[in-house]
Amino acid sequence: SNINLNRRHLGDNFDEAIQQRHQSFVVTVDNRFIISTGYWDKRFRVSNT
């Protein structure tokens, strides 16, 4: 089995001035989306898993 099959990449646009912590990410109850914060332009992203 390949261990990398379930890995996700959220991009490289995170603000370097903000320390990323577990509070910066949340998964919806149905595990379909990842919501992430801490981007340089002060936005949040919703990523489909």
Protein backbone atom coordinates (compact mmCIF):
# COMPACT_ATOMS: atom_id res chain seq x y z
CA SER A 1 0.00 0.00 0.00
CA ASN A 2 1.12 3.53 -0.75
CA ILE A 3 1.15 5.77 2.33
CA ASN A 4 0.88 8.98 0.22
CA LEU A 5 -2.54 8.21 -1.28
CA ASN A 6 -4.45 10.12 1.42
CA ARG A 7 -2.21 13.20 1.61
CA ARG A 8 -3.56 16.61 0.62
CA HIS A 9 -1.73 19.80 -0.32
CA LEU A 10 -3.44 23.07 0.65
CA GLY A 11 -1.08 25.36 -1.23
CA ASP A 12 1.86 27.59 -0.43
CA ASN A 13 0.06 30.90 0.06
CA PHE A 14 0.07 30.84 3.86
CA ASP A 15 1.10 34.07 5.60
CA GLU A 16 4.61 33.62 7.00
CA ALA A 17 3.79 36.03 9.85
CA ILE A 18 1.07 33.69 11.14
CA GLN A 19 2.10 30.55 12.97
CA GLN A 20 -0.01 27.68 11.67
CA ARG A 21 -1.70 25.68 14.41
CA HIS A 22 -4.39 23.06 14.57
CA GLN A 23 -6.94 25.86 15.11
CA SER A 24 -6.26 27.03 11.54
CA PHE A 25 -7.89 23.93 10.07
CA VAL A 26 -11.25 22.21 10.48
CA VAL A 27 -12.95 19.30 8.74
CA THR A 28 -16.72 19.30 8.20
CA VAL A 29 -18.82 16.71 10.00
CA ASP A 30 -19.27 14.63 6.84
CA ASN A 31 -15.48 14.73 6.13
CA ARG A 32 -16.08 16.18 2.66
CA PHE A 33 -14.39 19.57 3.14
CA ILE A 34 -11.34 21.08 4.84
CA ILE A 35 -11.63 24.72 5.89
CA SER A 36 -8.26 26.44 6.30
CA THR A 37 -7.24 29.95 7.41
CA GLY A 38 -4.01 31.92 7.66
CA TYR A 39 -3.48 32.98 4.06
CA TRP A 40 -1.55 36.14 3.18
CA ASP A 41 -4.68 37.91 1.88
CA LYS A 42 -6.69 37.20 5.08
CA ARG A 43 -9.13 34.81 3.42
CA PHE A 44 -10.15 31.27 4.23
CA ARG A 45 -10.42 28.35 1.84
CA VAL A 46 -12.83 25.47 1.58
CA SER A 47 -11.18 22.46 -0.06
CA ASN A 48 -13.08 19.44 -1.32
CA THR A 49 -11.56 16.21 -0.02
